[in-house]
Amino acid sequence: MSQRIRRTLLTLCLAVAALAWSGGQAQAHGFTSTAYADVVETDGRPRTTLELEYDLLVVSAADAEDDDALFREGTAAFDNGDDRGRARVLDTHAKAVTEYVTGRFLLSSGGTPCTARPHGGASMTRREGVPYAVVVLDWSCPDGGGLRLHSTLFPDREQYVKDTKTIVTYTVDGLSGSAALDGGHPSFSVDRPWYERFGEFFRLGAEHLLTGIDHILFLLALIVGSRGPREVVLAATCFTLAHSVTFLLAALGLVDVPADVVEPVIAASIAVVAGWHLWRLARPADRRPSLGRGHLGLDRAGWTRLAVVFCFGLVHGLGFAGALGIDAAWSWTLLWSLAVFNLGIEAVQLALVALTFPLLAVLRRRAPGAARLVTGLVAAGVAVMGLVWCAQRITES
């Protein structure tokens, strides 16, 4: 085996190992939480409706305010699974909860901080099966300046959250739109330039695919299972069209499928697409159809594969929308924000195909046997991971 082929094999193996390592590191060093904030103008003043992961809020507020009773009662209510009991805990310790939230979620006008007071009692909701506390705040802001929002909600000293993405929707000061904040970009002004707003969502989409190991493995299974440039282009196009449609429909609230259904199917899709390639490899050479047959160079099996990819792409789009989690009224600004988020996903997807498939093409041309071995091993590993995730997600739902 030549040195170039050995380098190609090593590169492919390292890529797969890096994906597996990144998934393990995410579990070992914490996860990224998602918070949601809706800002509306009510009686001439901003009102924010915050949705925060209940367990994180209880632990962080109890620690910040030295409220041992909040920690004991809050964790007990979390373990009991009673949303009414959880809301009662938040109301009982409303002062500690409000002080924690308003110390990290801030509004200002013209550079002067706004002051907040609770509006009504706390309530509970769920996001992708996770209990979320709903905290509503009314703000008093000085006149004469554009409204600015700053969020540093989580991580705190709980040690298992590495960052929080705060998805903001707003209708205030005659402006409406959405924003995405995190530790690297904690602030925004409602009157900021359009390119800053769209840049946030492009970055958010790119980061979502880069950190979404299940979506990346699905793409990797598509790449190693494609026998030529035509197949990989058609497969990637089908996947893109499908997930773009359902992502926009779900993000706009026109389609609603529970995460308990979506997440196991996404995991299963990884195993199915990887297993398809293993089935192809196992077929005798004289029974493998030619790539050049049929319309667009695909035979019946090729078209069936594209149909399967398209169907699974529809489900992945629901997963993308669930991760973004915007729940806002229709507007052209919202539509453009969603489209730019999707463009960020596509940019990473195209980069992955452009970096990986040429390596496989070189390997298949120089050492077909080694290529079959490598793609088979990659597909087998991906299929196993997909089946494991599917089982985990079913048992956790």
Protein backbone atom coordinates (compact mmCIF):
# COMPACT_ATOMS: atom_id res chain seq x y z
CA MET A 1 0.00 0.00 0.00
CA SER A 2 1.46 3.37 -1.01
CA GLN A 3 2.25 6.13 1.44
CA ARG A 4 -0.48 8.34 -0.05
CA ILE A 5 -3.13 5.66 0.45
CA ARG A 6 -1.97 5.08 4.02
CA ARG A 7 -2.28 8.81 4.69
CA THR A 8 -5.81 8.82 3.24
CA LEU A 9 -6.82 5.86 5.42
CA LEU A 10 -5.34 7.53 8.49
CA THR A 11 -7.16 10.79 7.76
CA LEU A 12 -10.51 9.04 7.42
CA CYS A 13 -10.00 7.05 10.62
CA LEU A 14 -8.98 10.17 12.52
CA ALA A 15 -12.09 11.99 11.28
CA VAL A 16 -14.37 9.26 12.60
CA ALA A 17 -12.46 9.10 15.89
CA ALA A 18 -12.75 12.88 16.27
CA LEU A 19 -16.52 12.68 15.87
CA ALA A 20 -16.79 9.96 18.51
CA TRP A 21 -14.43 11.89 20.81
CA SER A 22 -16.42 15.11 20.44
CA GLY A 23 -19.60 13.28 21.43
CA GLY A 24 -17.91 11.87 24.51
CA GLN A 25 -16.42 15.22 25.45
CA ALA A 26 -19.83 16.87 25.28
CA GLN A 27 -21.09 14.37 27.84
CA ALA A 28 -17.99 14.63 30.05
CA HIS A 29 -17.75 18.43 30.15
CA GLY A 30 -21.38 19.44 30.26
CA PHE A 31 -24.01 20.50 27.81
CA THR A 32 -25.44 23.66 26.31
CA SER A 33 -28.75 24.75 27.76
CA THR A 34 -31.31 26.74 25.81
CA ALA A 35 -33.34 29.58 27.31
CA TYR A 36 -36.21 31.42 25.65
CA ALA A 37 -37.21 35.05 26.08
CA ASP A 38 -40.17 36.84 24.55
CA VAL A 39 -40.14 40.63 24.91
CA VAL A 40 -43.34 42.54 24.17
CA GLU A 41 -44.45 46.10 24.82
CA THR A 42 -47.37 46.19 27.29
CA ASP A 43 -48.87 49.50 28.45
CA GLY A 44 -45.83 51.29 27.10
CA ARG A 45 -43.36 49.11 29.03
CA PRO A 46 -41.38 45.98 28.12
CA ARG A 47 -42.62 42.68 29.51
CA THR A 48 -40.40 39.61 29.27
CA THR A 49 -41.58 36.04 29.45
CA LEU A 50 -38.58 33.83 30.25
CA GLU A 51 -38.51 30.05 29.95
CA LEU A 52 -35.59 28.45 31.81
CA GLU A 53 -34.72 24.86 32.58
CA TYR A 54 -36.30 24.26 35.97
CA ASP A 55 -33.50 22.24 37.57
CA LEU A 56 -30.81 24.71 36.46
CA LEU A 57 -32.82 27.66 37.75
CA VAL A 58 -33.41 26.04 41.14
CA VAL A 59 -29.80 24.96 41.66
CA SER A 60 -28.31 28.25 40.41
CA ALA A 61 -30.72 30.53 42.30
CA ALA A 62 -30.33 28.54 45.52
CA ASP A 63 -26.55 28.72 45.24
CA ALA A 64 -26.43 32.42 44.33
CA GLU A 65 -28.83 33.47 47.08
CA ASP A 66 -27.65 30.93 49.72
CA ASP A 67 -31.18 29.53 49.92
CA ASP A 68 -30.83 25.94 51.15
CA ALA A 69 -34.59 25.53 51.43
CA LEU A 70 -35.03 26.39 47.74
CA PHE A 71 -32.48 23.74 46.82
CA ARG A 72 -34.09 21.03 48.95
CA GLU A 73 -37.68 21.79 47.97
CA GLY A 74 -36.85 22.47 44.34
CA THR A 75 -34.88 19.27 43.76
CA ALA A 76 -37.56 17.24 45.57
CA ALA A 77 -40.25 18.74 43.32
CA PHE A 78 -38.11 18.02 40.28
CA ASP A 79 -37.71 14.38 41.29
CA ASN A 80 -41.44 14.02 42.02
CA GLY A 81 -42.37 15.16 38.51
CA ASP A 82 -45.21 17.41 39.71
CA ASP A 83 -45.37 20.66 37.73
CA ARG A 84 -47.81 22.28 40.17
CA GLY A 85 -45.45 21.47 43.03
CA ARG A 86 -42.54 22.94 41.09
CA ALA A 87 -44.46 26.16 40.45
CA ARG A 88 -45.32 26.40 44.17
CA VAL A 89 -41.63 26.13 45.06
CA LEU A 90 -40.78 28.98 42.69
CA ASP A 91 -43.57 31.14 44.14
CA THR A 92 -42.50 30.38 47.70
CA HIS A 93 -38.97 31.50 46.90
CA ALA A 94 -39.93 34.19 44.40
CA LYS A 95 -37.49 36.72 45.86
CA ALA A 96 -34.45 34.47 45.42
CA VAL A 97 -35.55 33.40 41.93
CA THR A 98 -36.23 36.98 40.79
CA GLU A 99 -32.93 38.29 42.17
CA TYR A 100 -31.01 35.55 40.41
CA VAL A 101 -32.76 36.07 37.07
CA THR A 102 -32.60 39.89 37.09
CA GLY A 103 -28.93 39.75 38.05
CA ARG A 104 -28.15 37.90 34.82
CA PHE A 105 -30.91 38.91 32.42
CA LEU A 106 -30.86 42.68 32.00
CA LEU A 107 -32.62 45.34 29.96
CA SER A 108 -31.26 48.85 29.48
CA SER A 109 -32.35 51.94 27.59
CA GLY A 110 -29.89 54.57 26.42
CA GLY A 111 -27.21 52.92 28.54
CA THR A 112 -29.29 53.18 31.74
CA PRO A 113 -30.43 49.92 33.37
CA CYS A 114 -34.15 49.17 33.56
CA THR A 115 -35.73 47.90 36.77
CA ALA A 116 -37.83 44.75 36.93
CA ARG A 117 -40.63 43.36 39.07
CA PRO A 118 -42.40 40.00 38.83
CA HIS A 119 -45.71 39.84 36.98
CA GLY A 120 -47.97 37.19 38.47
CA GLY A 121 -46.83 33.84 39.76
CA ALA A 122 -44.48 31.32 38.21
CA SER A 123 -45.74 28.54 35.98
CA MET A 124 -44.32 25.51 34.21
CA THR A 125 -44.06 24.33 30.63
CA ARG A 126 -42.03 21.76 28.69
CA ARG A 127 -39.53 22.02 25.86
CA GLU A 128 -38.60 18.74 24.14
CA GLY A 129 -39.76 16.85 27.22
CA VAL A 130 -37.67 18.96 29.64
CA PRO A 131 -39.45 20.88 32.47
CA TYR A 132 -39.07 24.65 32.03
CA ALA A 133 -39.96 27.37 34.55
CA VAL A 134 -41.85 30.36 33.15
CA VAL A 135 -40.94 33.68 34.79
CA VAL A 136 -42.68 36.90 33.68
CA LEU A 137 -41.13 40.30 34.46
CA ASP A 138 -42.37 43.85 33.92
CA TRP A 139 -39.68 46.46 33.29
CA SER A 140 -39.51 50.21 33.89
CA CYS A 141 -37.07 51.87 31.50
CA PRO A 142 -35.97 55.52 31.06
CA ASP A 143 -37.05 57.27 27.90
CA GLY A 144 -34.82 58.39 25.07
CA GLY A 145 -32.74 55.35 24.17
CA GLY A 146 -32.88 52.15 22.17
CA LEU A 147 -33.64 49.04 24.16
CA ARG A 148 -30.69 46.70 24.74
CA LEU A 149 -30.84 43.17 26.17
CA HIS A 150 -28.00 41.37 27.95
CA SER A 151 -28.12 37.73 29.09
CA THR A 152 -25.58 35.70 31.06
CA LEU A 153 -28.00 33.06 32.35
CA PHE A 154 -26.00 29.93 33.16
CA PRO A 155 -23.46 28.49 33.53
CA ASP A 156 -22.94 29.07 37.21
CA ARG A 157 -21.25 26.98 39.86
CA GLU A 158 -23.31 23.88 39.10
CA GLN A 159 -20.36 22.71 36.93
CA TYR A 160 -22.33 20.79 34.29
CA VAL A 161 -23.53 23.54 31.94
CA LYS A 162 -20.90 24.90 29.58
CA ASP A 163 -23.00 27.59 27.90
CA THR A 164 -26.55 28.80 27.35
CA LYS A 165 -28.10 29.87 24.08
CA THR A 166 -30.85 32.40 24.71
CA ILE A 167 -33.37 32.59 21.85
CA VAL A 168 -35.09 35.98 21.95
CA THR A 169 -38.18 37.16 20.11
CA TYR A 170 -39.33 40.76 20.51
CA THR A 171 -41.99 43.26 19.53
CA VAL A 172 -41.02 46.53 21.15
CA ASP A 173 -40.30 50.18 20.23
CA GLY A 174 -42.13 49.62 16.95
CA LEU A 175 -39.64 46.90 15.97
CA SER A 176 -40.01 43.13 15.86
CA GLY A 177 -37.59 40.32 15.24
CA SER A 178 -35.49 37.67 16.90
CA ALA A 179 -31.98 37.21 18.23
CA ALA A 180 -29.69 34.43 19.44
CA LEU A 181 -27.38 35.07 22.40
CA ASP A 182 -24.68 32.94 24.03
CA GLY A 183 -21.55 33.33 26.13
CA GLY A 184 -19.58 34.80 23.24
CA HIS A 185 -22.36 37.15 22.15
CA PRO A 186 -24.36 38.05 25.28
CA SER A 187 -26.01 41.32 24.14
CA PHE A 188 -28.00 42.91 21.34
CA SER A 189 -29.95 46.10 20.66
CA VAL A 190 -33.39 45.92 19.07
CA ASP A 191 -32.35 48.61 16.57
CA ARG A 192 -29.14 46.86 15.51
CA PRO A 193 -28.25 46.59 11.77
CA TRP A 194 -29.89 43.81 9.76
CA TYR A 195 -26.58 42.11 8.99
CA GLU A 196 -25.82 41.64 12.69
CA ARG A 197 -29.19 39.99 13.23
CA PHE A 198 -28.79 37.64 10.30
CA GLY A 199 -25.16 36.95 11.22
CA GLU A 200 -26.31 35.69 14.61
CA PHE A 201 -28.62 33.14 13.03
CA PHE A 202 -26.10 32.03 10.41
CA ARG A 203 -23.60 31.36 13.21
CA LEU A 204 -26.27 29.62 15.29
CA GLY A 205 -27.17 27.30 12.40
CA ALA A 206 -23.53 26.48 11.69
CA GLU A 207 -22.83 25.79 15.36
CA HIS A 208 -25.91 23.61 15.66
CA LEU A 209 -24.76 21.26 12.91
CA LEU A 210 -21.14 21.29 14.12
CA THR A 211 -22.22 20.29 17.62
CA GLY A 212 -25.01 17.95 16.48
CA ILE A 213 -23.12 14.68 16.33
CA ASP A 214 -26.23 12.76 15.21
CA HIS A 215 -26.78 14.98 12.16
CA ILE A 216 -23.08 14.82 11.27
CA LEU A 217 -23.05 11.03 11.47
CA PHE A 218 -26.12 10.89 9.23
CA LEU A 219 -24.24 12.95 6.63
CA LEU A 220 -21.16 10.79 7.06
CA ALA A 221 -23.28 7.69 6.41
CA LEU A 222 -24.62 9.33 3.24
CA ILE A 223 -21.10 10.19 2.06
CA VAL A 224 -19.49 6.78 2.60
CA GLY A 225 -22.55 5.09 1.09
CA SER A 226 -22.43 7.10 -2.15
CA ARG A 227 -20.50 5.40 -4.94
CA GLY A 228 -19.79 8.48 -7.02
CA PRO A 229 -20.10 12.29 -7.16
CA ARG A 230 -23.56 12.03 -8.73
CA GLU A 231 -24.91 9.92 -5.89
CA VAL A 232 -23.51 12.13 -3.14
CA VAL A 233 -24.80 15.31 -4.83
CA LEU A 234 -28.29 13.85 -5.29
CA ALA A 235 -28.38 12.48 -1.73
CA ALA A 236 -27.20 15.76 -0.20
CA THR A 237 -29.70 17.70 -2.32
CA CYS A 238 -32.61 15.47 -1.23
CA PHE A 239 -31.59 15.79 2.40
CA THR A 240 -31.28 19.59 2.09
CA LEU A 241 -34.64 20.06 0.38
CA ALA A 242 -36.43 17.81 2.85
CA HIS A 243 -35.06 19.24 6.07
CA SER A 244 -35.45 22.82 4.79
CA VAL A 245 -39.18 22.29 4.21
CA THR A 246 -39.99 20.79 7.60
CA PHE A 247 -37.61 23.13 9.44
CA LEU A 248 -39.43 26.20 8.14
CA LEU A 249 -42.90 24.69 8.67
CA ALA A 250 -42.11 23.59 12.23
CA ALA A 251 -40.27 26.79 13.18
CA LEU A 252 -43.25 28.83 11.96
CA GLY A 253 -45.60 26.69 14.03
CA LEU A 254 -47.39 25.11 11.08
CA VAL A 255 -46.22 21.58 11.97
CA ASP A 256 -45.83 20.22 15.48
CA VAL A 257 -44.40 16.76 16.14
CA PRO A 258 -43.33 15.80 19.71
CA ALA A 259 -39.61 15.52 20.33
CA ASP A 260 -40.26 12.09 21.88
CA VAL A 261 -41.09 10.92 18.35
CA VAL A 262 -38.58 12.98 16.38
CA GLU A 263 -35.40 12.21 18.32
CA PRO A 264 -35.61 8.37 18.22
CA VAL A 265 -36.42 8.48 14.49
CA ILE A 266 -33.38 10.68 13.84
CA ALA A 267 -31.21 8.11 15.62
CA ALA A 268 -32.84 5.29 13.67
CA SER A 269 -32.22 7.14 10.40
CA ILE A 270 -28.50 7.09 11.09
CA ALA A 271 -28.54 3.32 11.53
CA VAL A 272 -30.72 2.73 8.46
CA VAL A 273 -28.60 4.82 6.05
CA ALA A 274 -25.36 3.30 7.37
CA GLY A 275 -26.87 -0.19 7.23
CA TRP A 276 -27.92 0.40 3.62
CA HIS A 277 -24.27 0.78 2.65
CA LEU A 278 -23.34 -2.40 4.54
CA TRP A 279 -26.10 -4.24 2.64
CA ARG A 280 -24.69 -2.95 -0.65
CA LEU A 281 -21.21 -4.14 0.27
CA ALA A 282 -22.51 -7.58 1.19
CA ARG A 283 -24.18 -8.17 -2.18
CA PRO A 284 -22.23 -10.30 -4.68
CA ALA A 285 -20.37 -8.24 -7.28
CA ASP A 286 -22.35 -9.67 -10.20
CA ARG A 287 -25.65 -8.61 -8.60
CA ARG A 288 -24.71 -5.00 -7.90
CA PRO A 289 -26.56 -2.63 -10.25
CA SER A 290 -24.61 -0.26 -12.44
CA LEU A 291 -24.57 3.42 -11.45
CA GLY A 292 -25.15 4.39 -15.07
CA ARG A 293 -28.57 2.76 -15.43
CA GLY A 294 -31.85 4.65 -15.46
CA HIS A 295 -32.78 8.31 -15.23
CA LEU A 296 -30.03 10.53 -13.77
CA GLY A 297 -27.78 7.47 -13.70
CA LEU A 298 -29.75 5.74 -10.92
CA ASP A 299 -31.44 2.37 -10.92
CA ARG A 300 -34.47 1.41 -8.82
CA ALA A 301 -32.35 0.82 -5.72
CA GLY A 302 -30.73 4.23 -6.16
CA TRP A 303 -34.09 5.98 -6.38
CA THR A 304 -35.33 4.04 -3.36
CA ARG A 305 -32.29 5.22 -1.41
CA LEU A 306 -33.03 8.84 -2.35
CA ALA A 307 -36.65 8.44 -1.23
CA VAL A 308 -35.48 7.08 2.12
CA VAL A 309 -33.00 9.95 2.50
CA PHE A 310 -35.74 12.47 1.66
CA CYS A 311 -38.11 11.00 4.25
CA PHE A 312 -35.45 11.02 6.94
CA GLY A 313 -34.50 14.57 5.92
CA LEU A 314 -38.04 15.63 6.76
CA VAL A 315 -37.55 14.29 10.28
CA HIS A 316 -34.14 15.93 10.69
CA GLY A 317 -35.75 19.26 9.78
CA LEU A 318 -38.13 18.85 12.71
CA GLY A 319 -35.09 18.25 14.91
CA PHE A 320 -33.43 21.46 13.68
CA ALA A 321 -36.60 23.43 14.43
CA GLY A 322 -36.89 21.90 17.90
CA ALA A 323 -33.32 22.92 18.68
CA LEU A 324 -33.96 26.52 17.57
CA GLY A 325 -37.21 26.67 19.51
CA ILE A 326 -38.55 29.99 18.24
CA ASP A 327 -42.23 30.46 19.06
CA ALA A 328 -43.23 33.78 17.54
CA ALA A 329 -45.92 35.26 15.34
CA TRP A 330 -45.36 35.25 11.59
CA SER A 331 -43.27 38.10 10.18
CA TRP A 332 -40.94 38.56 7.23
CA THR A 333 -38.12 39.27 9.69
CA LEU A 334 -38.76 35.93 11.38
CA LEU A 335 -38.83 34.14 8.03
CA TRP A 336 -35.49 35.63 7.00
CA SER A 337 -33.97 34.75 10.38
CA LEU A 338 -35.07 31.13 9.93
CA ALA A 339 -33.76 31.06 6.36
CA VAL A 340 -30.36 32.35 7.48
CA PHE A 341 -30.24 29.75 10.29
CA ASN A 342 -30.84 27.12 7.62
CA LEU A 343 -28.09 28.61 5.44
CA GLY A 344 -25.68 28.19 8.34
CA ILE A 345 -26.61 24.51 8.51
CA GLU A 346 -26.11 24.13 4.75
CA ALA A 347 -22.70 25.81 4.83
CA VAL A 348 -21.37 23.26 7.32
CA GLN A 349 -23.05 20.41 5.45
CA LEU A 350 -21.41 21.42 2.14
CA ALA A 351 -18.04 21.83 3.86
CA LEU A 352 -18.29 18.33 5.32
CA VAL A 353 -19.10 16.83 1.92
CA ALA A 354 -16.36 18.84 0.21
CA LEU A 355 -13.73 17.74 2.72
CA THR A 356 -14.69 14.08 3.06
CA PHE A 357 -15.87 12.82 -0.32
CA PRO A 358 -12.71 13.73 -2.31
CA LEU A 359 -10.66 11.66 0.15
CA LEU A 360 -12.94 8.70 -0.47
CA ALA A 361 -12.75 9.24 -4.23
CA VAL A 362 -8.94 9.12 -4.14
CA LEU A 363 -9.02 5.99 -2.01
CA ARG A 364 -11.51 4.23 -4.30
CA ARG A 365 -9.44 5.03 -7.36
CA ARG A 366 -6.08 3.97 -5.88
CA ALA A 367 -7.14 1.08 -3.62
CA PRO A 368 -10.72 -0.18 -4.14
CA GLY A 369 -10.32 -2.98 -1.63
CA ALA A 370 -9.10 -0.64 1.09
CA ALA A 371 -11.95 1.75 0.29
CA ARG A 372 -14.51 -1.02 0.78
CA LEU A 373 -12.91 -1.92 4.10
CA VAL A 374 -12.81 1.68 5.36
CA THR A 375 -16.33 2.61 4.30
CA GLY A 376 -17.63 -0.67 5.73
CA LEU A 377 -15.97 -0.04 9.09
CA VAL A 378 -17.23 3.55 9.20
CA ALA A 379 -20.76 2.48 8.27
CA ALA A 380 -20.74 -0.30 10.88
CA GLY A 381 -19.60 2.08 13.61
CA VAL A 382 -22.18 4.69 12.64
CA ALA A 383 -24.95 2.08 12.50
CA VAL A 384 -24.12 0.83 15.99
CA MET A 385 -24.10 4.36 17.41
CA GLY A 386 -27.46 5.09 15.75
CA LEU A 387 -29.03 1.96 17.24
CA VAL A 388 -27.67 2.74 20.70
CA TRP A 389 -29.00 6.31 20.57
CA CYS A 390 -32.36 5.10 19.30
CA ALA A 391 -32.71 2.70 22.22
CA GLN A 392 -31.62 5.37 24.71
CA ARG A 393 -34.05 7.94 23.37
CA ILE A 394 -36.96 5.52 23.39
CA THR A 395 -36.33 4.49 27.00
CA GLU A 396 -35.88 8.14 28.09
CA SER A 397 -39.03 9.41 26.37
